[in-house]
């Protein structure tokens, strides 16, 4: 099978050159040991098992289905007596009385990623996150916690594994049927040649798509937790100044009285010294001034972090106040 660079190296830090990868037994040998281990806890069917996987109906279950129903169908099978499936995200997010539900948080953080929920629950990050064993241990700690345990066996939390598998089979059947389905009326099949995307441009299967993960620039700007920085990252001042510059002649003609020149106007902008008088504004400076006010408001928003920048406009550009610890 192909080595999944995106999933293994980018997410988990595993490399195909690692000794424990190169020397690992093939899945045909590992899988029977895996199923035997699971079944050993179920007392020969006198107990039933539940597969618990964080956001696992699409990810974990998809991979298990691929192994047992597609790549090794009839040879490798799911562990017997595993009857139920539960995604902890569902029971935590659906039941608002759960103490780990978003509505119960005081931090203002949103989302149900494993790392985030673990930090909210225990006040510390997962050690060596994205390592398969560490993630599984973190998930087990959350599920066994008294704040979550009582919601695991509720109606919305648990589904039958046979229903999960039925959905996977239906989806797989739809994918196969797409290759033979007749084209819509008015369309023609153009010859019999088939076309297949190169692997590096395919987003299906292992190794598909580009390199995963944010760029260093995105990581850096997100680390500040500043809405102002994030806004300017995607909407730089150069873009706004270009729009203002092109729109200035039109707006000047439409909105500026003939008996008043733009340089006669005065605007006042917020600073540590109160309202600072700035003259000679044009439409461009007014637009940038409006942006400054917007950023000041955004920076005061609770999720924007601790910084509280103050801005003022000089010569149509954002500048730093010598007395304020302001962002430039």
C-alpha atoms as a PDB file:
ATOM      1  CA  UNK A   1       0.000   0.000   0.000  1.00  0.00           C
ATOM      2  CA  UNK A   2       1.050   3.607  -0.526  1.00  0.00           C
ATOM      3  CA  UNK A   3       2.646   5.533   2.313  1.00  0.00           C
ATOM      4  CA  UNK A   4       0.324   8.305   3.483  1.00  0.00           C
ATOM      5  CA  UNK A   5       2.744  11.201   3.865  1.00  0.00           C
ATOM      6  CA  UNK A   6       0.058  13.702   4.822  1.00  0.00           C
ATOM      7  CA  UNK A   7      -1.568  11.593   7.504  1.00  0.00           C
ATOM      8  CA  UNK A   8       1.482   9.849   8.930  1.00  0.00           C
ATOM      9  CA  UNK A   9       4.219  12.462   8.766  1.00  0.00           C
ATOM     10  CA  UNK A  10       2.349  15.738   8.994  1.00  0.00           C
ATOM     11  CA  UNK A  11      -0.198  14.676  11.630  1.00  0.00           C
ATOM     12  CA  UNK A  12       1.577  11.998  13.655  1.00  0.00           C
ATOM     13  CA  UNK A  13       5.270  12.539  12.999  1.00  0.00           C
ATOM     14  CA  UNK A  14       5.820   9.026  11.634  1.00  0.00           C
ATOM     15  CA  UNK A  15       8.225   8.528   8.749  1.00  0.00           C
ATOM     16  CA  UNK A  16       8.469   5.596   6.392  1.00  0.00           C
ATOM     17  CA  UNK A  17      12.148   5.324   7.355  1.00  0.00           C
ATOM     18  CA  UNK A  18      11.370   4.812  11.072  1.00  0.00           C
ATOM     19  CA  UNK A  19      12.567   1.409  12.275  1.00  0.00           C
ATOM     20  CA  UNK A  20       9.274   0.491  13.927  1.00  0.00           C
ATOM     21  CA  UNK A  21       7.544   1.204  10.603  1.00  0.00           C
ATOM     22  CA  UNK A  22      10.011  -0.607   8.346  1.00  0.00           C
ATOM     23  CA  UNK A  23      10.209  -3.651  10.623  1.00  0.00           C
ATOM     24  CA  UNK A  24       6.483  -3.856  11.376  1.00  0.00           C
ATOM     25  CA  UNK A  25       4.580  -7.036  10.558  1.00  0.00           C
ATOM     26  CA  UNK A  26       2.113  -6.833   7.655  1.00  0.00           C
ATOM     27  CA  UNK A  27      -1.504  -6.136   8.483  1.00  0.00           C
ATOM     28  CA  UNK A  28      -2.470  -9.707   7.567  1.00  0.00           C
ATOM     29  CA  UNK A  29      -0.519 -10.824  10.641  1.00  0.00           C
ATOM     30  CA  UNK A  30      -1.321  -7.899  12.934  1.00  0.00           C
ATOM     31  CA  UNK A  31      -5.084  -7.825  12.385  1.00  0.00           C
ATOM     32  CA  UNK A  32      -5.886 -11.300  13.803  1.00  0.00           C
ATOM     33  CA  UNK A  33      -3.947 -10.398  16.966  1.00  0.00           C
ATOM     34  CA  UNK A  34      -5.874  -7.139  17.186  1.00  0.00           C
ATOM     35  CA  UNK A  35      -9.306  -8.793  16.887  1.00  0.00           C
ATOM     36  CA  UNK A  36      -8.341 -11.557  19.331  1.00  0.00           C
ATOM     37  CA  UNK A  37      -7.320  -8.935  21.892  1.00  0.00           C
ATOM     38  CA  UNK A  38     -10.644  -7.119  21.573  1.00  0.00           C
ATOM     39  CA  UNK A  39     -12.680 -10.328  21.729  1.00  0.00           C
ATOM     40  CA  UNK A  40     -10.813 -11.482  24.833  1.00  0.00           C
ATOM     41  CA  UNK A  41     -12.561  -8.728  26.811  1.00  0.00           C
ATOM     42  CA  UNK A  42     -16.034  -9.816  25.676  1.00  0.00           C
ATOM     43  CA  UNK A  43     -16.198 -13.234  27.342  1.00  0.00           C
ATOM     44  CA  UNK A  44     -16.966 -15.219  24.206  1.00  0.00           C
ATOM     45  CA  UNK A  45     -20.019 -13.088  23.453  1.00  0.00           C
ATOM     46  CA  UNK A  46     -21.462 -12.933  26.967  1.00  0.00           C
ATOM     47  CA  UNK A  47     -20.573  -9.244  26.885  1.00  0.00           C
ATOM     48  CA  UNK A  48     -20.954  -6.762  24.059  1.00  0.00           C
ATOM     49  CA  UNK A  49     -18.431  -4.179  22.967  1.00  0.00           C
ATOM     50  CA  UNK A  50     -18.705  -0.534  21.966  1.00  0.00           C
ATOM     51  CA  UNK A  51     -16.308   1.152  19.560  1.00  0.00           C
ATOM     52  CA  UNK A  52     -15.626   4.673  20.835  1.00  0.00           C
ATOM     53  CA  UNK A  53     -13.834   6.998  18.441  1.00  0.00           C
ATOM     54  CA  UNK A  54     -13.534  10.786  18.538  1.00  0.00           C
ATOM     55  CA  UNK A  55     -15.148  12.074  15.340  1.00  0.00           C
ATOM     56  CA  UNK A  56     -14.709   8.493  14.216  1.00  0.00           C
ATOM     57  CA  UNK A  57     -17.704   7.701  12.078  1.00  0.00           C
ATOM     58  CA  UNK A  58     -15.983   9.215   9.062  1.00  0.00           C
ATOM     59  CA  UNK A  59     -12.325   8.707   9.953  1.00  0.00           C
ATOM     60  CA  UNK A  60     -11.740   5.619  12.085  1.00  0.00           C
ATOM     61  CA  UNK A  61     -14.793   3.716  10.871  1.00  0.00           C
ATOM     62  CA  UNK A  62     -13.963   4.628   7.287  1.00  0.00           C
ATOM     63  CA  UNK A  63     -10.504   3.083   7.615  1.00  0.00           C
ATOM     64  CA  UNK A  64     -11.843  -0.024   9.381  1.00  0.00           C
ATOM     65  CA  UNK A  65     -14.442  -0.430   6.638  1.00  0.00           C
ATOM     66  CA  UNK A  66     -11.785  -0.063   3.963  1.00  0.00           C
ATOM     67  CA  UNK A  67      -9.680  -2.816   5.558  1.00  0.00           C
ATOM     68  CA  UNK A  68     -12.451  -5.318   6.219  1.00  0.00           C
ATOM     69  CA  UNK A  69     -14.881  -4.621   3.366  1.00  0.00           C
ATOM     70  CA  UNK A  70     -12.684  -3.516   0.472  1.00  0.00           C
ATOM     71  CA  UNK A  71      -8.970  -4.277   0.697  1.00  0.00           C
ATOM     72  CA  UNK A  72      -9.231  -7.568   2.623  1.00  0.00           C
ATOM     73  CA  UNK A  73     -12.889  -8.510   2.301  1.00  0.00           C
ATOM     74  CA  UNK A  74     -13.509 -12.095   3.389  1.00  0.00           C
ATOM     75  CA  UNK A  75     -10.040 -12.382   4.940  1.00  0.00           C
ATOM     76  CA  UNK A  76      -9.891  -9.756   7.681  1.00  0.00           C
ATOM     77  CA  UNK A  77     -13.026  -9.142   9.716  1.00  0.00           C
ATOM     78  CA  UNK A  78     -14.160  -6.782  12.444  1.00  0.00           C
ATOM     79  CA  UNK A  79     -13.942  -8.098  16.028  1.00  0.00           C
ATOM     80  CA  UNK A  80     -16.976 -10.136  16.955  1.00  0.00           C
ATOM     81  CA  UNK A  81     -19.544  -8.904  19.477  1.00  0.00           C
ATOM     82  CA  UNK A  82     -18.688  -5.231  18.985  1.00  0.00           C
ATOM     83  CA  UNK A  83     -22.282  -4.110  18.643  1.00  0.00           C
ATOM     84  CA  UNK A  84     -22.317  -0.379  19.334  1.00  0.00           C
ATOM     85  CA  UNK A  85     -20.539   2.782  18.222  1.00  0.00           C
ATOM     86  CA  UNK A  86     -20.193   6.073  20.097  1.00  0.00           C
ATOM     87  CA  UNK A  87     -18.599   9.369  19.133  1.00  0.00           C
ATOM     88  CA  UNK A  88     -17.877  11.307  22.360  1.00  0.00           C
ATOM     89  CA  UNK A  89     -18.313  14.573  20.487  1.00  0.00           C
ATOM     90  CA  UNK A  90     -21.981  13.737  19.970  1.00  0.00           C
ATOM     91  CA  UNK A  91     -22.820  13.130  23.619  1.00  0.00           C
ATOM     92  CA  UNK A  92     -20.822  16.169  24.799  1.00  0.00           C
ATOM     93  CA  UNK A  93     -22.194  18.585  22.190  1.00  0.00           C
ATOM     94  CA  UNK A  94     -25.796  17.302  22.052  1.00  0.00           C
ATOM     95  CA  UNK A  95     -26.521  17.302  25.766  1.00  0.00           C
ATOM     96  CA  UNK A  96     -26.154  20.872  26.976  1.00  0.00           C
ATOM     97  CA  UNK A  97     -26.296  19.733  30.608  1.00  0.00           C
ATOM     98  CA  UNK A  98     -22.937  17.997  30.124  1.00  0.00           C
ATOM     99  CA  UNK A  99     -20.313  20.006  31.995  1.00  0.00           C
ATOM    100  CA  UNK A 100     -17.931  19.846  29.005  1.00  0.00           C
ATOM    101  CA  UNK A 101     -20.502  21.310  26.624  1.00  0.00           C
ATOM    102  CA  UNK A 102     -19.546  24.633  25.010  1.00  0.00           C
ATOM    103  CA  UNK A 103     -22.322  26.401  26.907  1.00  0.00           C
ATOM    104  CA  UNK A 104     -20.670  25.535  30.229  1.00  0.00           C
ATOM    105  CA  UNK A 105     -17.231  26.943  29.405  1.00  0.00           C
ATOM    106  CA  UNK A 106     -15.902  30.116  30.965  1.00  0.00           C
ATOM    107  CA  UNK A 107     -12.942  30.438  28.601  1.00  0.00           C
ATOM    108  CA  UNK A 108     -15.007  31.490  25.578  1.00  0.00           C
ATOM    109  CA  UNK A 109     -13.290  28.843  23.425  1.00  0.00           C
ATOM    110  CA  UNK A 110     -15.452  27.055  20.880  1.00  0.00           C
ATOM    111  CA  UNK A 111     -15.224  23.672  19.204  1.00  0.00           C
ATOM    112  CA  UNK A 112     -14.972  20.027  20.177  1.00  0.00           C
ATOM    113  CA  UNK A 113     -11.523  18.984  19.028  1.00  0.00           C
ATOM    114  CA  UNK A 114      -9.959  16.323  21.233  1.00  0.00           C
ATOM    115  CA  UNK A 115      -7.108  18.566  22.352  1.00  0.00           C
ATOM    116  CA  UNK A 116      -9.396  21.490  23.153  1.00  0.00           C
ATOM    117  CA  UNK A 117     -11.897  19.404  25.155  1.00  0.00           C
ATOM    118  CA  UNK A 118      -9.052  17.720  27.051  1.00  0.00           C
ATOM    119  CA  UNK A 119      -7.578  21.096  28.013  1.00  0.00           C
ATOM    120  CA  UNK A 120     -10.988  22.379  29.115  1.00  0.00           C
ATOM    121  CA  UNK A 121     -11.579  19.228  31.172  1.00  0.00           C
ATOM    122  CA  UNK A 122      -8.205  18.836  32.865  1.00  0.00           C
ATOM    123  CA  UNK A 123      -6.468  22.196  32.538  1.00  0.00           C
ATOM    124  CA  UNK A 124      -3.464  20.886  30.622  1.00  0.00           C
ATOM    125  CA  UNK A 125      -2.637  19.901  27.021  1.00  0.00           C
ATOM    126  CA  UNK A 126      -2.345  16.325  25.812  1.00  0.00           C
ATOM    127  CA  UNK A 127       1.224  15.117  26.193  1.00  0.00           C
ATOM    128  CA  UNK A 128       2.633  14.179  22.783  1.00  0.00           C
ATOM    129  CA  UNK A 129      -0.669  14.934  21.034  1.00  0.00           C
ATOM    130  CA  UNK A 130      -1.421  13.166  17.720  1.00  0.00           C
ATOM    131  CA  UNK A 131       0.491  10.109  18.835  1.00  0.00           C
ATOM    132  CA  UNK A 132      -2.074   7.346  18.372  1.00  0.00           C
ATOM    133  CA  UNK A 133      -1.627   5.860  21.842  1.00  0.00           C
ATOM    134  CA  UNK A 134      -1.580   9.236  23.605  1.00  0.00           C
ATOM    135  CA  UNK A 135      -4.747  10.366  21.788  1.00  0.00           C
ATOM    136  CA  UNK A 136      -6.499   7.101  22.686  1.00  0.00           C
ATOM    137  CA  UNK A 137      -5.524   7.497  26.339  1.00  0.00           C
ATOM    138  CA  UNK A 138      -6.728  11.107  26.347  1.00  0.00           C
ATOM    139  CA  UNK A 139     -10.045  10.078  24.819  1.00  0.00           C
ATOM    140  CA  UNK A 140     -10.469   7.274  27.383  1.00  0.00           C
ATOM    141  CA  UNK A 141      -9.763   9.720  30.217  1.00  0.00           C
ATOM    142  CA  UNK A 142     -12.480  12.063  28.951  1.00  0.00           C
ATOM    143  CA  UNK A 143     -15.035   9.290  28.408  1.00  0.00           C
ATOM    144  CA  UNK A 144     -14.416   7.781  31.872  1.00  0.00           C
ATOM    145  CA  UNK A 145     -14.681  11.170  33.565  1.00  0.00           C
ATOM    146  CA  UNK A 146     -17.792  11.561  35.703  1.00  0.00           C
ATOM    147  CA  UNK A 147     -18.773  14.675  33.725  1.00  0.00           C
ATOM    148  CA  UNK A 148     -19.136  12.598  30.540  1.00  0.00           C
ATOM    149  CA  UNK A 149     -19.663   8.993  31.609  1.00  0.00           C
ATOM    150  CA  UNK A 150     -23.340   9.473  32.387  1.00  0.00           C
ATOM    151  CA  UNK A 151     -24.081  10.623  28.844  1.00  0.00           C
ATOM    152  CA  UNK A 152     -22.424   7.747  26.981  1.00  0.00           C
ATOM    153  CA  UNK A 153     -25.354   5.336  27.029  1.00  0.00           C
ATOM    154  CA  UNK A 154     -28.046   7.835  26.069  1.00  0.00           C
ATOM    155  CA  UNK A 155     -30.126   7.600  22.934  1.00  0.00           C
ATOM    156  CA  UNK A 156     -28.321  10.222  20.870  1.00  0.00           C
ATOM    157  CA  UNK A 157     -24.872   9.028  21.930  1.00  0.00           C
ATOM    158  CA  UNK A 158     -24.973   5.417  20.749  1.00  0.00           C
ATOM    159  CA  UNK A 159     -25.711   3.847  17.354  1.00  0.00           C
ATOM    160  CA  UNK A 160     -25.522   0.271  16.163  1.00  0.00           C
ATOM    161  CA  UNK A 161     -22.360  -0.731  14.344  1.00  0.00           C
ATOM    162  CA  UNK A 162     -24.505  -2.486  11.730  1.00  0.00           C
ATOM    163  CA  UNK A 163     -26.148   0.863  10.948  1.00  0.00           C
ATOM    164  CA  UNK A 164     -22.757   2.544  10.591  1.00  0.00           C
ATOM    165  CA  UNK A 165     -21.647  -0.238   8.251  1.00  0.00           C
ATOM    166  CA  UNK A 166     -24.900  -0.039   6.285  1.00  0.00           C
ATOM    167  CA  UNK A 167     -24.204   3.647   5.646  1.00  0.00           C
ATOM    168  CA  UNK A 168     -20.647   2.872   4.543  1.00  0.00           C
ATOM    169  CA  UNK A 169     -21.865   0.171   2.132  1.00  0.00           C
ATOM    170  CA  UNK A 170     -24.459   2.504   0.669  1.00  0.00           C
ATOM    171  CA  UNK A 171     -21.869   5.216   0.136  1.00  0.00           C
ATOM    172  CA  UNK A 172     -19.419   2.770  -1.451  1.00  0.00           C
ATOM    173  CA  UNK A 173     -22.178   1.513  -3.746  1.00  0.00           C
ATOM    174  CA  UNK A 174     -22.976   5.044  -4.851  1.00  0.00           C
ATOM    175  CA  UNK A 175     -19.322   5.655  -5.678  1.00  0.00           C
ATOM    176  CA  UNK A 176     -19.143   2.486  -7.764  1.00  0.00           C
ATOM    177  CA  UNK A 177     -22.409   3.268  -9.546  1.00  0.00           C
ATOM    178  CA  UNK A 178     -21.131   6.696 -10.547  1.00  0.00           C
ATOM    179  CA  UNK A 179     -18.667   5.062 -12.929  1.00  0.00           C
ATOM    180  CA  UNK A 180     -21.419   3.295 -14.887  1.00  0.00           C
ATOM    181  CA  UNK A 181     -24.349   5.700 -14.485  1.00  0.00           C
ATOM    182  CA  UNK A 182     -25.777   7.081 -17.728  1.00  0.00           C
ATOM    183  CA  UNK A 183     -24.987  10.696 -18.471  1.00  0.00           C
ATOM    184  CA  UNK A 184     -27.857  13.221 -18.305  1.00  0.00           C
ATOM    185  CA  UNK A 185     -30.025  13.883 -21.351  1.00  0.00           C
ATOM    186  CA  UNK A 186     -28.284  16.182 -23.788  1.00  0.00           C
ATOM    187  CA  UNK A 187     -24.813  15.003 -22.806  1.00  0.00           C
ATOM    188  CA  UNK A 188     -22.655  12.499 -24.631  1.00  0.00           C
ATOM    189  CA  UNK A 189     -19.860  10.236 -23.509  1.00  0.00           C
ATOM    190  CA  UNK A 190     -16.767  11.533 -25.268  1.00  0.00           C
ATOM    191  CA  UNK A 191     -15.026   8.363 -26.427  1.00  0.00           C
ATOM    192  CA  UNK A 192     -13.976   5.465 -24.244  1.00  0.00           C
ATOM    193  CA  UNK A 193     -10.734   6.881 -22.911  1.00  0.00           C
ATOM    194  CA  UNK A 194     -10.623   7.247 -19.155  1.00  0.00           C
ATOM    195  CA  UNK A 195      -8.863   9.993 -17.280  1.00  0.00           C
ATOM    196  CA  UNK A 196      -7.349   9.679 -13.834  1.00  0.00           C
ATOM    197  CA  UNK A 197      -6.014  12.556 -11.786  1.00  0.00           C
ATOM    198  CA  UNK A 198      -2.369  12.345 -10.768  1.00  0.00           C
ATOM    199  CA  UNK A 199      -1.962  11.170  -7.196  1.00  0.00           C
ATOM    200  CA  UNK A 200      -0.607  14.512  -5.981  1.00  0.00           C
ATOM    201  CA  UNK A 201      -3.792  16.214  -7.223  1.00  0.00           C
ATOM    202  CA  UNK A 202      -6.218  13.629  -5.882  1.00  0.00           C
ATOM    203  CA  UNK A 203      -7.881  14.152  -2.514  1.00  0.00           C
ATOM    204  CA  UNK A 204      -9.127  10.581  -2.140  1.00  0.00           C
ATOM    205  CA  UNK A 205      -7.158   7.797  -0.530  1.00  0.00           C
ATOM    206  CA  UNK A 206      -3.727   7.777   1.077  1.00  0.00           C
ATOM    207  CA  UNK A 207      -1.201  10.292  -0.154  1.00  0.00           C
ATOM    208  CA  UNK A 208      -3.835  12.421  -1.849  1.00  0.00           C
ATOM    209  CA  UNK A 209      -3.807  16.182  -1.949  1.00  0.00           C
ATOM    210  CA  UNK A 210      -1.235  18.721  -0.989  1.00  0.00           C
ATOM    211  CA  UNK A 211       0.681  19.016   2.235  1.00  0.00           C
ATOM    212  CA  UNK A 212      -1.646  19.382   5.190  1.00  0.00           C
ATOM    213  CA  UNK A 213      -1.413  21.959   7.915  1.00  0.00           C
ATOM    214  CA  UNK A 214      -1.294  25.761   8.086  1.00  0.00           C
ATOM    215  CA  UNK A 215       1.652  27.746   6.807  1.00  0.00           C
ATOM    216  CA  UNK A 216       4.056  29.295   9.284  1.00  0.00           C
ATOM    217  CA  UNK A 217       2.540  32.704   8.524  1.00  0.00           C
ATOM    218  CA  UNK A 218      -0.964  31.516   9.435  1.00  0.00           C
ATOM    219  CA  UNK A 219       0.333  29.805  12.566  1.00  0.00           C
ATOM    220  CA  UNK A 220       2.120  32.981  13.606  1.00  0.00           C
ATOM    221  CA  UNK A 221      -0.841  35.298  13.119  1.00  0.00           C
ATOM    222  CA  UNK A 222      -3.249  32.894  14.825  1.00  0.00           C
ATOM    223  CA  UNK A 223      -0.958  32.551  17.826  1.00  0.00           C
ATOM    224  CA  UNK A 224      -1.539  36.212  18.704  1.00  0.00           C
ATOM    225  CA  UNK A 225      -5.276  35.551  19.153  1.00  0.00           C
ATOM    226  CA  UNK A 226      -5.889  39.047  17.781  1.00  0.00           C
ATOM    227  CA  UNK A 227      -8.845  39.628  15.483  1.00  0.00           C
ATOM    228  CA  UNK A 228      -7.103  42.729  14.201  1.00  0.00           C
ATOM    229  CA  UNK A 229      -3.997  40.805  13.120  1.00  0.00           C
ATOM    230  CA  UNK A 230      -6.113  38.058  11.601  1.00  0.00           C
ATOM    231  CA  UNK A 231      -8.209  40.573   9.656  1.00  0.00           C
ATOM    232  CA  UNK A 232      -5.153  42.328   8.259  1.00  0.00           C
ATOM    233  CA  UNK A 233      -3.604  38.989   7.320  1.00  0.00           C
ATOM    234  CA  UNK A 234      -6.445  38.238   4.898  1.00  0.00           C
ATOM    235  CA  UNK A 235      -7.332  41.860   4.029  1.00  0.00           C
ATOM    236  CA  UNK A 236      -4.007  43.739   3.964  1.00  0.00           C
ATOM    237  CA  UNK A 237      -3.893  47.514   4.055  1.00  0.00           C
ATOM    238  CA  UNK A 238      -2.439  47.541   0.557  1.00  0.00           C
ATOM    239  CA  UNK A 239      -5.711  46.085  -0.741  1.00  0.00           C
ATOM    240  CA  UNK A 240      -7.804  48.639   1.122  1.00  0.00           C
ATOM    241  CA  UNK A 241      -5.588  51.494  -0.014  1.00  0.00           C
ATOM    242  CA  UNK A 242      -5.893  50.345  -3.619  1.00  0.00           C
ATOM    243  CA  UNK A 243      -9.684  50.283  -3.364  1.00  0.00           C
ATOM    244  CA  UNK A 244      -9.685  53.690  -1.696  1.00  0.00           C
ATOM    245  CA  UNK A 245      -7.303  55.175  -4.249  1.00  0.00           C
ATOM    246  CA  UNK A 246      -9.397  54.020  -7.194  1.00  0.00           C
ATOM    247  CA  UNK A 247     -12.654  55.084  -5.564  1.00  0.00           C
ATOM    248  CA  UNK A 248     -11.408  58.465  -4.347  1.00  0.00           C
ATOM    249  CA  UNK A 249     -12.000  60.475  -7.536  1.00  0.00           C
ATOM    250  CA  UNK A 250     -15.543  59.153  -7.865  1.00  0.00           C
ATOM    251  CA  UNK A 251     -16.443  59.726  -4.208  1.00  0.00           C
ATOM    252  CA  UNK A 252     -14.863  63.174  -4.265  1.00  0.00           C
ATOM    253  CA  UNK A 253     -17.043  64.112  -7.192  1.00  0.00           C
ATOM    254  CA  UNK A 254     -20.218  62.631  -5.746  1.00  0.00           C
ATOM    255  CA  UNK A 255     -20.009  63.575  -2.095  1.00  0.00           C
ATOM    256  CA  UNK A 256     -17.710  66.577  -1.651  1.00  0.00           C
ATOM    257  CA  UNK A 257     -19.408  69.997  -1.996  1.00  0.00           C
ATOM    258  CA  UNK A 258     -17.886  72.138  -4.722  1.00  0.00           C
ATOM    259  CA  UNK A 259     -17.320  75.046  -2.345  1.00  0.00           C
ATOM    260  CA  UNK A 260     -15.251  72.936   0.074  1.00  0.00           C
ATOM    261  CA  UNK A 261     -11.891  71.385  -0.634  1.00  0.00           C
ATOM    262  CA  UNK A 262     -11.015  67.987   0.914  1.00  0.00           C
ATOM    263  CA  UNK A 263      -7.976  69.406   2.689  1.00  0.00           C
ATOM    264  CA  UNK A 264     -10.200  71.811   4.626  1.00  0.00           C
ATOM    265  CA  UNK A 265     -11.870  68.956   6.443  1.00  0.00           C
ATOM    266  CA  UNK A 266     -10.775  67.778   9.862  1.00  0.00           C
ATOM    267  CA  UNK A 267     -11.183  64.374  11.439  1.00  0.00           C
ATOM    268  CA  UNK A 268     -10.518  63.342  15.012  1.00  0.00           C
ATOM    269  CA  UNK A 269      -9.236  59.868  15.834  1.00  0.00           C
ATOM    270  CA  UNK A 270      -8.828  57.909  19.115  1.00  0.00           C
ATOM    271  CA  UNK A 271      -5.477  57.770  20.867  1.00  0.00           C
ATOM    272  CA  UNK A 272      -4.109  57.574  24.417  1.00  0.00           C
ATOM    273  CA  UNK A 273      -4.187  61.371  24.404  1.00  0.00           C
ATOM    274  CA  UNK A 274      -7.866  61.466  23.643  1.00  0.00           C
ATOM    275  CA  UNK A 275      -9.134  62.587  20.243  1.00  0.00           C
ATOM    276  CA  UNK A 276      -6.239  63.663  18.041  1.00  0.00           C
ATOM    277  CA  UNK A 277      -6.918  66.258  15.356  1.00  0.00           C
ATOM    278  CA  UNK A 278      -5.862  65.210  11.852  1.00  0.00           C
ATOM    279  CA  UNK A 279      -6.375  67.531   8.904  1.00  0.00           C
ATOM    280  CA  UNK A 280      -6.097  67.165   5.136  1.00  0.00           C
ATOM    281  CA  UNK A 281      -8.098  63.948   4.912  1.00  0.00           C
ATOM    282  CA  UNK A 282      -9.311  62.557   1.638  1.00  0.00           C
ATOM    283  CA  UNK A 283     -11.580  59.626   0.936  1.00  0.00           C
ATOM    284  CA  UNK A 284      -8.586  57.284   1.197  1.00  0.00           C
ATOM    285  CA  UNK A 285      -7.653  58.463   4.676  1.00  0.00           C
ATOM    286  CA  UNK A 286     -11.268  58.357   5.780  1.00  0.00           C
ATOM    287  CA  UNK A 287     -11.492  54.724   4.696  1.00  0.00           C
ATOM    288  CA  UNK A 288      -8.293  53.796   6.501  1.00  0.00           C
ATOM    289  CA  UNK A 289      -9.542  55.752   9.527  1.00  0.00           C
ATOM    290  CA  UNK A 290     -12.744  53.724   9.488  1.00  0.00           C
ATOM    291  CA  UNK A 291     -10.666  50.558   9.338  1.00  0.00           C
ATOM    292  CA  UNK A 292      -8.651  51.728  12.344  1.00  0.00           C
ATOM    293  CA  UNK A 293     -11.817  52.203  14.362  1.00  0.00           C
ATOM    294  CA  UNK A 294     -13.000  48.774  13.281  1.00  0.00           C
ATOM    295  CA  UNK A 295      -9.730  47.195  14.400  1.00  0.00           C
ATOM    296  CA  UNK A 296      -9.858  49.006  17.731  1.00  0.00           C
ATOM    297  CA  UNK A 297     -13.324  47.588  18.340  1.00  0.00           C
ATOM    298  CA  UNK A 298     -12.296  44.126  17.206  1.00  0.00           C
ATOM    299  CA  UNK A 299      -9.253  44.113  19.450  1.00  0.00           C
ATOM    300  CA  UNK A 300     -11.456  44.804  22.450  1.00  0.00           C
ATOM    301  CA  UNK A 301     -13.611  41.770  21.698  1.00  0.00           C
ATOM    302  CA  UNK A 302     -13.074  39.120  24.433  1.00  0.00           C
ATOM    303  CA  UNK A 303     -11.686  36.485  22.083  1.00  0.00           C
ATOM    304  CA  UNK A 304      -9.197  38.878  20.525  1.00  0.00           C
ATOM    305  CA  UNK A 305      -6.659  38.571  23.312  1.00  0.00           C
ATOM    306  CA  UNK A 306      -5.315  41.035  25.852  1.00  0.00           C
ATOM    307  CA  UNK A 307      -3.949  43.729  23.523  1.00  0.00           C
ATOM    308  CA  UNK A 308      -5.942  46.942  23.171  1.00  0.00           C
ATOM    309  CA  UNK A 309      -4.355  48.926  20.335  1.00  0.00           C
ATOM    310  CA  UNK A 310      -5.167  52.561  19.691  1.00  0.00           C
ATOM    311  CA  UNK A 311      -4.730  54.015  16.263  1.00  0.00           C
ATOM    312  CA  UNK A 312      -4.585  57.386  14.615  1.00  0.00           C
ATOM    313  CA  UNK A 313      -4.272  58.407  10.969  1.00  0.00           C
ATOM    314  CA  UNK A 314      -1.445  60.566   9.671  1.00  0.00           C
ATOM    315  CA  UNK A 315      -0.919  61.177   5.957  1.00  0.00           C
ATOM    316  CA  UNK A 316      -3.421  58.488   5.062  1.00  0.00           C
ATOM    317  CA  UNK A 317      -1.566  55.682   6.870  1.00  0.00           C
ATOM    318  CA  UNK A 318      -1.823  53.902  10.208  1.00  0.00           C
ATOM    319  CA  UNK A 319       1.022  54.984  12.477  1.00  0.00           C
ATOM    320  CA  UNK A 320       2.174  54.209  15.991  1.00  0.00           C
ATOM    321  CA  UNK A 321       1.592  56.620  18.813  1.00  0.00           C
ATOM    322  CA  UNK A 322       4.813  57.404  20.669  1.00  0.00           C
ATOM    323  CA  UNK A 323       3.040  57.161  24.005  1.00  0.00           C
ATOM    324  CA  UNK A 324       0.727  54.199  23.325  1.00  0.00           C
ATOM    325  CA  UNK A 325       1.963  50.655  23.030  1.00  0.00           C
ATOM    326  CA  UNK A 326       0.017  50.503  19.806  1.00  0.00           C
ATOM    327  CA  UNK A 327       0.239  48.113  16.917  1.00  0.00           C
ATOM    328  CA  UNK A 328       1.766  49.697  13.810  1.00  0.00           C
END
